[in-house]
């Protein structure tokens, strides 16, 4: 069991281990959560093993001594079947179905008393963590556990890693680069209650304010969050649904008239674009933000970093605090993240706050101050 930080070199270590065994005649599998994740390994092994028999359709290399390496995807665990194995590498094992090891791979190793190498960054305290505990238990002589951080790779600049640490929320840094197993691996925002120190406020002449707007209507809510850009503090929150777009724009207009923000950052997806155009036609300083898989992560992580470091004060609004505390992050097998509220809950206020904080960070960039 090997828990590694990102860019430690675990895949290279796995390729060396599986090649050594295949060259000695062992029957080997390389398993990844999906075939696309194993594609680079497959290309590297083909380039390294010139002269061996290559079956591209089966993704298999056959060596002169009888050994072989077969690439397999753990995506559909029920379909993984085969003859006995001597060795298996489970790459990014923390992101595989927990059934892959006990129900598929381990039975294939029994007949030949084979071994396995589990390589992964942690993903909370799931099945990979449970097996890692076996490796730390002296009463389990068949298991061994090893831990390496990204700092253990001598080819990576420590200065670059330190720079990355300063720009990364602690939750991601600890799991992805220090390879730590976290009980709250899916939690995005830390220090939420501690940050709830700013009372709801009234506008102060001369202050610069920013409003974040996340649209909703029937099932979702429209959320509006006002942030004092100079005090770095939330000053007001509004949330409503089951009302028409004209009334929603009217409520945003009323909030604008009260706070006179330098900018209103609003989600432009779907109906948002139409509402933004209508508000801009009325002279409101609305700036569009397109929420995509690529843009959502940096938006949310910037907010998480600000709350975690005490750079943004929150008001003790239980609706807002509850959404922040419930908001989750799921690491995808390919290395990216999926952010959102748990099923049945909402994230409208989280997104409105993230947009407002984005506007604070942008300062005068693209903003017409009023």
Protein backbone atom coordinates (compact mmCIF):
# COMPACT_ATOMS: atom_id res chain seq x y z
CA UNK A 1 0.00 0.00 0.00
CA UNK A 2 1.58 3.29 -1.12
CA UNK A 3 -0.10 6.63 -0.37
CA UNK A 4 1.59 9.34 -2.46
CA UNK A 5 1.34 13.05 -3.06
CA UNK A 6 0.70 14.36 -6.56
CA UNK A 7 3.73 14.18 -8.91
CA UNK A 8 5.63 11.95 -6.49
CA UNK A 9 6.33 9.47 -9.29
CA UNK A 10 4.03 6.63 -8.29
CA UNK A 11 3.14 5.70 -11.87
CA UNK A 12 6.81 5.44 -12.81
CA UNK A 13 7.40 3.24 -9.77
CA UNK A 14 4.47 1.06 -10.78
CA UNK A 15 5.75 0.64 -14.34
CA UNK A 16 9.18 -0.41 -13.09
CA UNK A 17 7.64 -2.92 -10.66
CA UNK A 18 5.36 -4.53 -13.24
CA UNK A 19 8.08 -4.72 -15.92
CA UNK A 20 10.49 -6.45 -13.53
CA UNK A 21 7.92 -9.15 -12.80
CA UNK A 22 6.77 -9.62 -16.39
CA UNK A 23 10.38 -10.04 -17.54
CA UNK A 24 10.74 -12.86 -14.98
CA UNK A 25 7.73 -14.67 -16.42
CA UNK A 26 4.95 -13.33 -14.19
CA UNK A 27 1.38 -12.85 -15.31
CA UNK A 28 0.52 -9.22 -14.54
CA UNK A 29 -2.36 -6.79 -14.69
CA UNK A 30 -2.24 -2.99 -14.61
CA UNK A 31 -5.56 -1.60 -13.39
CA UNK A 32 -6.71 2.02 -13.56
CA UNK A 33 -10.13 3.50 -12.71
CA UNK A 34 -10.76 4.06 -16.46
CA UNK A 35 -9.04 3.17 -19.73
CA UNK A 36 -8.27 6.83 -20.57
CA UNK A 37 -6.33 7.10 -17.31
CA UNK A 38 -4.18 4.12 -18.33
CA UNK A 39 -3.60 5.31 -21.88
CA UNK A 40 -0.25 6.98 -21.18
CA UNK A 41 0.97 3.92 -19.25
CA UNK A 42 -0.04 1.73 -22.20
CA UNK A 43 1.87 3.95 -24.64
CA UNK A 44 4.94 4.03 -22.39
CA UNK A 45 5.01 0.26 -21.95
CA UNK A 46 4.76 -0.30 -25.71
CA UNK A 47 7.63 2.11 -26.33
CA UNK A 48 9.74 0.51 -23.61
CA UNK A 49 9.12 -3.08 -24.66
CA UNK A 50 10.11 -3.01 -28.32
CA UNK A 51 10.38 -6.53 -29.70
CA UNK A 52 7.76 -8.19 -27.51
CA UNK A 53 4.45 -9.42 -28.85
CA UNK A 54 1.91 -6.59 -28.68
CA UNK A 55 -1.85 -7.13 -28.89
CA UNK A 56 -3.30 -3.63 -29.16
CA UNK A 57 -6.88 -4.82 -29.25
CA UNK A 58 -6.47 -6.62 -25.93
CA UNK A 59 -4.00 -4.03 -24.56
CA UNK A 60 -1.58 -6.81 -23.73
CA UNK A 61 2.20 -7.34 -23.95
CA UNK A 62 3.54 -10.94 -24.07
CA UNK A 63 7.17 -11.52 -23.09
CA UNK A 64 9.45 -14.36 -24.30
CA UNK A 65 9.58 -16.02 -20.87
CA UNK A 66 5.84 -16.45 -20.67
CA UNK A 67 5.12 -13.33 -18.68
CA UNK A 68 2.58 -10.75 -19.79
CA UNK A 69 1.19 -7.34 -18.88
CA UNK A 70 -2.48 -6.63 -19.55
CA UNK A 71 -4.07 -3.20 -19.11
CA UNK A 72 -7.50 -3.28 -17.48
CA UNK A 73 -10.13 -0.71 -16.46
CA UNK A 74 -11.80 -0.99 -13.07
CA UNK A 75 -14.76 1.09 -14.24
CA UNK A 76 -17.04 -1.94 -14.69
CA UNK A 77 -15.85 -4.17 -11.86
CA UNK A 78 -18.37 -6.92 -12.60
CA UNK A 79 -16.80 -7.52 -16.03
CA UNK A 80 -13.26 -8.04 -14.74
CA UNK A 81 -12.51 -11.72 -14.96
CA UNK A 82 -9.53 -13.79 -16.03
CA UNK A 83 -7.09 -16.57 -15.24
CA UNK A 84 -4.75 -16.58 -12.26
CA UNK A 85 -2.28 -13.72 -11.81
CA UNK A 86 1.13 -13.34 -10.21
CA UNK A 87 1.06 -9.58 -9.78
CA UNK A 88 -1.32 -6.64 -10.09
CA UNK A 89 -0.76 -2.89 -9.93
CA UNK A 90 -3.82 -0.89 -8.89
CA UNK A 91 -3.08 2.69 -9.94
CA UNK A 92 -5.18 5.42 -8.25
CA UNK A 93 -6.71 2.66 -6.14
CA UNK A 94 -8.54 5.14 -3.89
CA UNK A 95 -10.80 6.01 -6.85
CA UNK A 96 -11.83 2.47 -7.70
CA UNK A 97 -14.96 0.64 -6.64
CA UNK A 98 -14.19 -0.95 -3.26
CA UNK A 99 -15.30 -4.32 -4.69
CA UNK A 100 -12.44 -4.50 -7.22
CA UNK A 101 -9.89 -5.82 -4.72
CA UNK A 102 -11.86 -8.36 -2.64
CA UNK A 103 -14.19 -9.64 -5.35
CA UNK A 104 -12.04 -9.56 -8.49
CA UNK A 105 -8.29 -9.11 -8.04
CA UNK A 106 -7.60 -10.94 -4.81
CA UNK A 107 -9.26 -14.21 -5.93
CA UNK A 108 -7.13 -14.14 -9.09
CA UNK A 109 -3.95 -13.98 -6.98
CA UNK A 110 -4.81 -16.88 -4.66
CA UNK A 111 -3.90 -19.80 -6.90
CA UNK A 112 -0.40 -18.49 -7.70
CA UNK A 113 0.15 -16.74 -4.36
CA UNK A 114 0.52 -13.47 -6.20
CA UNK A 115 1.10 -9.98 -4.91
CA UNK A 116 -0.35 -6.52 -5.48
CA UNK A 117 0.89 -2.95 -5.44
CA UNK A 118 -1.69 -0.26 -4.56
CA UNK A 119 -0.70 3.25 -5.65
CA UNK A 120 -2.86 6.32 -4.99
CA UNK A 121 -3.32 9.74 -3.55
CA UNK A 122 -5.84 9.50 -0.70
CA UNK A 123 -9.55 10.07 -1.24
CA UNK A 124 -10.91 10.31 2.28
CA UNK A 125 -11.20 7.31 4.57
CA UNK A 126 -12.55 4.82 2.08
CA UNK A 127 -11.54 1.28 1.11
CA UNK A 128 -8.02 2.35 0.17
CA UNK A 129 -7.55 3.83 3.64
CA UNK A 130 -8.83 0.62 5.26
CA UNK A 131 -6.30 -1.49 3.35
CA UNK A 132 -3.57 1.02 4.20
CA UNK A 133 -4.30 0.33 7.88
CA UNK A 134 -3.52 -3.35 7.28
CA UNK A 135 -0.09 -2.32 6.02
CA UNK A 136 0.54 -0.43 9.26
CA UNK A 137 -0.55 -3.36 11.43
CA UNK A 138 2.39 -5.46 12.63
CA UNK A 139 -0.01 -8.40 13.02
CA UNK A 140 -0.53 -8.42 9.22
CA UNK A 141 2.82 -9.66 7.85
CA UNK A 142 1.48 -10.01 4.29
CA UNK A 143 0.82 -6.28 4.08
CA UNK A 144 3.10 -3.21 4.09
CA UNK A 145 2.26 0.50 3.92
CA UNK A 146 4.40 3.39 2.68
CA UNK A 147 3.76 7.12 2.65
CA UNK A 148 5.39 9.74 0.41
CA UNK A 149 4.58 13.41 -0.07
CA UNK A 150 5.19 15.49 -3.18
CA UNK A 151 8.28 16.86 -1.42
CA UNK A 152 9.84 13.38 -1.59
CA UNK A 153 10.33 13.70 -5.35
CA UNK A 154 13.79 15.28 -5.75
CA UNK A 155 12.94 16.40 -9.29
CA UNK A 156 10.29 18.86 -8.06
CA UNK A 157 11.40 22.29 -6.85
CA UNK A 158 10.55 22.88 -3.18
CA UNK A 159 10.11 26.56 -3.99
CA UNK A 160 7.48 25.68 -6.59
CA UNK A 161 5.65 23.47 -4.10
CA UNK A 162 5.71 26.20 -1.44
CA UNK A 163 4.32 28.67 -3.96
CA UNK A 164 1.57 26.19 -4.79
CA UNK A 165 0.80 25.70 -1.09
CA UNK A 166 0.17 29.42 -0.63
CA UNK A 167 -2.41 29.34 -3.42
CA UNK A 168 -4.16 26.10 -2.42
CA UNK A 169 -6.85 25.51 0.23
CA UNK A 170 -5.53 23.44 3.13
CA UNK A 171 -7.97 20.60 2.43
CA UNK A 172 -6.61 20.09 -1.08
CA UNK A 173 -3.00 20.65 -0.07
CA UNK A 174 -3.12 18.09 2.74
CA UNK A 175 -4.77 15.38 0.66
CA UNK A 176 -3.24 15.93 -2.77
CA UNK A 177 0.31 16.92 -1.92
CA UNK A 178 0.93 15.68 1.64
CA UNK A 179 -1.04 12.47 0.97
CA UNK A 180 -2.97 12.72 4.23
CA UNK A 181 -6.17 10.78 4.89
CA UNK A 182 -8.84 13.22 6.03
CA UNK A 183 -12.13 12.41 7.75
CA UNK A 184 -13.74 15.44 6.10
CA UNK A 185 -12.08 15.01 2.72
CA UNK A 186 -15.23 16.12 0.93
CA UNK A 187 -15.72 19.34 2.93
CA UNK A 188 -14.77 22.45 0.98
CA UNK A 189 -15.01 25.27 3.52
CA UNK A 190 -13.12 25.32 6.81
CA UNK A 191 -13.43 27.91 9.57
CA UNK A 192 -16.96 28.89 8.57
CA UNK A 193 -18.27 29.41 12.12
CA UNK A 194 -15.12 31.27 13.13
CA UNK A 195 -15.56 33.62 10.15
CA UNK A 196 -19.16 34.50 11.09
CA UNK A 197 -18.18 37.65 12.98
CA UNK A 198 -19.55 40.49 10.83
CA UNK A 199 -22.99 41.81 11.79
CA UNK A 200 -25.45 42.76 9.09
CA UNK A 201 -24.63 46.33 8.17
CA UNK A 202 -26.01 49.47 6.59
CA UNK A 203 -24.35 51.16 3.61
CA UNK A 204 -21.48 53.52 4.40
CA UNK A 205 -21.02 56.41 1.96
CA UNK A 206 -17.76 56.16 0.04
CA UNK A 207 -17.32 52.41 0.58
CA UNK A 208 -16.98 50.06 -2.40
CA UNK A 209 -19.47 47.22 -2.44
CA UNK A 210 -19.87 44.21 -4.75
CA UNK A 211 -22.97 42.07 -5.22
CA UNK A 212 -22.91 38.43 -6.31
CA UNK A 213 -26.01 36.97 -7.97
CA UNK A 214 -26.91 33.33 -8.62
CA UNK A 215 -30.19 32.90 -10.51
CA UNK A 216 -32.95 30.41 -9.74
CA UNK A 217 -36.71 30.26 -10.01
CA UNK A 218 -38.71 27.15 -9.22
CA UNK A 219 -36.69 24.45 -7.47
CA UNK A 220 -33.52 26.50 -7.02
CA UNK A 221 -33.29 29.90 -5.38
CA UNK A 222 -32.02 33.23 -6.57
CA UNK A 223 -29.39 34.33 -4.06
CA UNK A 224 -27.90 37.81 -3.68
CA UNK A 225 -24.89 38.50 -1.46
CA UNK A 226 -23.39 41.92 -0.75
CA UNK A 227 -19.71 42.23 0.24
CA UNK A 228 -17.91 45.30 1.52
CA UNK A 229 -14.78 45.22 -0.65
CA UNK A 230 -12.75 47.41 1.73
CA UNK A 231 -13.70 45.73 5.01
CA UNK A 232 -13.69 42.31 3.29
CA UNK A 233 -16.96 41.43 4.97
CA UNK A 234 -20.40 40.19 3.95
CA UNK A 235 -23.00 42.85 4.75
CA UNK A 236 -26.29 41.44 3.46
CA UNK A 237 -27.83 38.24 2.04
CA UNK A 238 -31.13 37.71 0.22
CA UNK A 239 -32.65 34.47 -1.08
CA UNK A 240 -35.98 33.81 -2.78
CA UNK A 241 -37.74 31.63 -5.38
CA UNK A 242 -41.19 30.98 -6.88
CA UNK A 243 -41.28 34.51 -8.34
CA UNK A 244 -41.05 35.72 -11.93
CA UNK A 245 -37.95 37.11 -13.58
CA UNK A 246 -39.27 40.67 -13.71
CA UNK A 247 -39.85 40.65 -9.94
CA UNK A 248 -36.44 39.10 -9.36
CA UNK A 249 -34.79 41.85 -11.37
CA UNK A 250 -36.81 44.36 -9.40
CA UNK A 251 -35.49 42.98 -6.11
CA UNK A 252 -31.95 43.12 -7.42
CA UNK A 253 -32.56 46.70 -8.53
CA UNK A 254 -33.79 47.60 -5.03
CA UNK A 255 -30.68 46.04 -3.51
CA UNK A 256 -28.56 48.00 -5.97
CA UNK A 257 -30.31 51.26 -5.07
CA UNK A 258 -29.61 50.62 -1.39
CA UNK A 259 -25.95 49.62 -1.62
CA UNK A 260 -24.83 51.31 -4.85
CA UNK A 261 -22.26 48.59 -5.63
CA UNK A 262 -19.35 49.15 -7.97
CA UNK A 263 -20.31 45.96 -9.75
CA UNK A 264 -22.83 43.13 -9.73
CA UNK A 265 -21.31 39.80 -10.76
CA UNK A 266 -24.07 37.50 -12.01
CA UNK A 267 -24.09 33.99 -13.40
CA UNK A 268 -24.71 34.21 -17.14
CA UNK A 269 -25.69 30.59 -17.76
CA UNK A 270 -29.12 29.85 -19.25
CA UNK A 271 -31.68 32.54 -18.34
CA UNK A 272 -28.97 34.56 -16.62
CA UNK A 273 -27.83 36.10 -19.91
CA UNK A 274 -31.32 37.49 -20.63
CA UNK A 275 -31.65 38.95 -17.13
CA UNK A 276 -28.17 40.48 -17.35
CA UNK A 277 -28.98 42.18 -20.65
CA UNK A 278 -32.20 43.60 -19.21
CA UNK A 279 -30.41 44.95 -16.14
CA UNK A 280 -27.58 46.40 -18.19
CA UNK A 281 -30.16 48.18 -20.33
CA UNK A 282 -31.40 49.84 -17.12
CA UNK A 283 -27.88 51.08 -16.44
CA UNK A 284 -26.88 48.62 -13.70
CA UNK A 285 -23.16 47.65 -13.65
CA UNK A 286 -23.78 43.93 -14.13
CA UNK A 287 -20.83 41.75 -15.12
CA UNK A 288 -21.49 38.23 -16.51
CA UNK A 289 -19.76 35.12 -15.22
CA UNK A 290 -20.12 31.85 -17.16
CA UNK A 291 -20.04 28.94 -14.72
CA UNK A 292 -18.40 25.93 -16.38
CA UNK A 293 -16.52 22.87 -15.21
CA UNK A 294 -13.30 24.80 -15.82
CA UNK A 295 -14.33 28.08 -14.16
CA UNK A 296 -16.26 26.78 -11.14
CA UNK A 297 -13.29 25.15 -9.41
CA UNK A 298 -11.07 28.25 -9.23
CA UNK A 299 -14.08 30.37 -8.23
CA UNK A 300 -14.98 28.12 -5.29
CA UNK A 301 -11.38 27.49 -4.23
CA UNK A 302 -10.63 31.22 -4.07
CA UNK A 303 -13.58 31.65 -1.70
CA UNK A 304 -12.53 28.65 0.40
CA UNK A 305 -9.01 30.04 0.72
CA UNK A 306 -10.32 33.46 1.80
CA UNK A 307 -12.57 32.02 4.53
CA UNK A 308 -9.91 29.59 5.71
CA UNK A 309 -7.31 32.36 6.07
CA UNK A 310 -9.64 34.81 7.75
CA UNK A 311 -9.59 37.21 4.80
CA UNK A 312 -13.39 37.38 4.52
CA UNK A 313 -15.82 37.89 7.41
CA UNK A 314 -19.29 36.34 7.21
CA UNK A 315 -22.54 37.39 8.83
CA UNK A 316 -24.20 34.82 11.15
CA UNK A 317 -26.91 33.96 8.64
CA UNK A 318 -27.76 30.29 9.21
CA UNK A 319 -28.90 29.75 5.64
CA UNK A 320 -25.58 30.93 4.24
CA UNK A 321 -23.50 29.17 6.89
CA UNK A 322 -25.44 25.93 6.43
CA UNK A 323 -24.83 25.89 2.69
CA UNK A 324 -21.11 26.54 3.20
CA UNK A 325 -20.79 23.76 5.78
CA UNK A 326 -22.68 21.25 3.61
CA UNK A 327 -20.89 22.10 0.35
CA UNK A 328 -18.87 19.15 -0.93
CA UNK A 329 -16.00 18.35 -3.25
CA UNK A 330 -15.54 15.06 -5.05
CA UNK A 331 -12.17 14.29 -6.57
CA UNK A 332 -12.54 12.72 -10.00
CA UNK A 333 -10.32 9.82 -11.11
CA UNK A 334 -8.69 11.99 -13.76
CA UNK A 335 -7.43 14.43 -11.14
CA UNK A 336 -10.08 17.16 -11.36
CA UNK A 337 -12.81 18.05 -8.87
CA UNK A 338 -16.58 18.25 -8.88
CA UNK A 339 -18.09 20.86 -6.55
CA UNK A 340 -21.68 21.13 -5.41
CA UNK A 341 -24.29 20.69 -2.71
CA UNK A 342 -25.25 17.20 -1.50
CA UNK A 343 -28.38 15.73 -3.13
CA UNK A 344 -31.51 17.54 -1.99
CA UNK A 345 -29.68 20.64 -0.75
CA UNK A 346 -28.85 23.97 -2.40
CA UNK A 347 -25.71 25.94 -3.15
CA UNK A 348 -27.22 29.20 -4.44
CA UNK A 349 -25.85 31.36 -1.61
CA UNK A 350 -22.43 29.72 -1.89
CA UNK A 351 -22.24 30.61 -5.57
CA UNK A 352 -23.53 34.15 -5.02
CA UNK A 353 -20.90 34.68 -2.32
CA UNK A 354 -18.19 33.21 -4.55
CA UNK A 355 -19.19 35.60 -7.34
CA UNK A 356 -19.14 38.57 -4.98
CA UNK A 357 -15.69 37.59 -3.72
CA UNK A 358 -14.55 37.20 -7.31
CA UNK A 359 -15.65 40.79 -7.89
CA UNK A 360 -13.74 41.95 -4.82
CA UNK A 361 -10.59 40.26 -6.08
CA UNK A 362 -11.00 41.70 -9.55
CA UNK A 363 -10.99 45.22 -8.12
CA UNK A 364 -11.16 47.65 -11.00
CA UNK A 365 -10.54 45.04 -13.68
CA UNK A 366 -13.41 45.35 -16.11
CA UNK A 367 -15.56 47.23 -13.58
CA UNK A 368 -17.20 50.60 -14.13
CA UNK A 369 -17.10 52.22 -10.71
CA UNK A 370 -20.09 54.36 -9.72
